[in-house]
Amino acid sequence: MIVGISIALIVSSALMILFVLLHKGKGGGLSDLFGGGFSSSFGGSSVVERNLDRLTIITGVVWFVCIIALGLLLRP
């Protein structure tokens, strides 16, 4: 059981990183440094942005649940 939750944590962490990096940059900070102009051609549709937001939130909740479950299972 601990191994399954650990694998889910690793997968959800990788997906979280991917989904956050796929978001369109809103400001002139680091998002413009790492290809802000290139990502503007992808994020033209608001439906895509909403779905990406939903996927990011769902992945974040799964990540949080995995952290809490591992913390409870590995408690001495």
Protein backbone atom coordinates (compact mmCIF):
# COMPACT_ATOMS: atom_id res chain seq x y z
CA MET A 1 0.00 0.00 0.00
CA ILE A 2 2.82 2.39 0.85
CA VAL A 3 4.53 1.56 -2.46
CA GLY A 4 1.35 2.34 -4.42
CA ILE A 5 0.89 5.68 -2.70
CA SER A 6 4.56 6.50 -3.25
CA ILE A 7 4.23 5.77 -6.97
CA ALA A 8 1.07 7.89 -7.14
CA LEU A 9 2.97 10.69 -5.38
CA ILE A 10 5.84 10.53 -7.89
CA VAL A 11 3.48 10.50 -10.88
CA SER A 12 1.34 13.32 -9.52
CA SER A 13 4.48 15.37 -8.76
CA ALA A 14 5.71 14.99 -12.33
CA LEU A 15 2.27 15.87 -13.72
CA MET A 16 2.09 18.91 -11.42
CA ILE A 17 5.40 20.20 -12.77
CA LEU A 18 4.26 19.60 -16.35
CA PHE A 19 0.86 21.27 -15.90
CA VAL A 20 2.31 24.32 -14.13
CA LEU A 21 4.88 24.77 -16.90
CA LEU A 22 2.16 24.50 -19.56
CA HIS A 23 0.23 27.44 -18.12
CA LYS A 24 0.36 30.66 -20.07
CA GLY A 25 2.45 33.35 -18.43
CA LYS A 26 0.47 36.31 -17.13
CA GLY A 27 3.34 38.65 -16.29
CA GLY A 28 6.78 39.65 -17.45
CA GLY A 29 8.75 37.48 -15.05
CA LEU A 30 10.40 34.12 -15.54
CA SER A 31 7.62 32.92 -17.87
CA ASP A 32 8.84 35.34 -20.55
CA LEU A 33 12.42 34.22 -20.01
CA PHE A 34 11.51 30.59 -20.73
CA GLY A 35 9.62 31.11 -23.98
CA GLY A 36 6.71 33.36 -23.08
CA GLY A 37 6.22 34.35 -26.71
CA PHE A 38 6.19 30.76 -27.88
CA SER A 39 3.53 29.68 -25.38
CA SER A 40 1.20 32.48 -26.46
CA SER A 41 0.46 30.65 -29.70
CA PHE A 42 -0.70 27.58 -27.74
CA GLY A 43 -2.99 29.24 -25.20
CA GLY A 44 -5.42 30.88 -27.61
CA SER A 45 -8.51 29.02 -26.48
CA SER A 46 -10.13 29.70 -23.15
CA VAL A 47 -11.51 26.15 -23.10
CA VAL A 48 -7.97 24.78 -23.15
CA GLU A 49 -6.96 27.09 -20.30
CA ARG A 50 -9.97 26.06 -18.21
CA ASN A 51 -9.30 22.37 -18.78
CA LEU A 52 -5.63 22.87 -17.90
CA ASP A 53 -6.69 24.69 -14.72
CA ARG A 54 -9.00 21.82 -13.79
CA LEU A 55 -6.32 19.21 -14.45
CA THR A 56 -3.83 21.18 -12.37
CA ILE A 57 -6.27 21.47 -9.44
CA ILE A 58 -7.20 17.77 -9.60
CA THR A 59 -3.52 16.78 -9.74
CA GLY A 60 -2.79 19.08 -6.80
CA VAL A 61 -5.55 17.49 -4.73
CA VAL A 62 -4.26 13.98 -5.56
CA TRP A 63 -0.73 15.10 -4.61
CA PHE A 64 -1.97 16.54 -1.32
CA VAL A 65 -3.95 13.39 -0.47
CA CYS A 66 -0.88 11.25 -1.19
CA ILE A 67 1.26 13.40 1.11
CA ILE A 68 -1.29 13.16 3.94
CA ALA A 69 -1.75 9.39 3.45
CA LEU A 70 1.99 8.74 3.49
CA GLY A 71 2.37 10.91 6.56
CA LEU A 72 -0.31 8.95 8.39
CA LEU A 73 0.98 5.55 7.28
CA LEU A 74 4.63 6.24 8.09
CA ARG A 75 3.90 7.75 11.51
CA PRO A 76 5.76 5.89 14.28
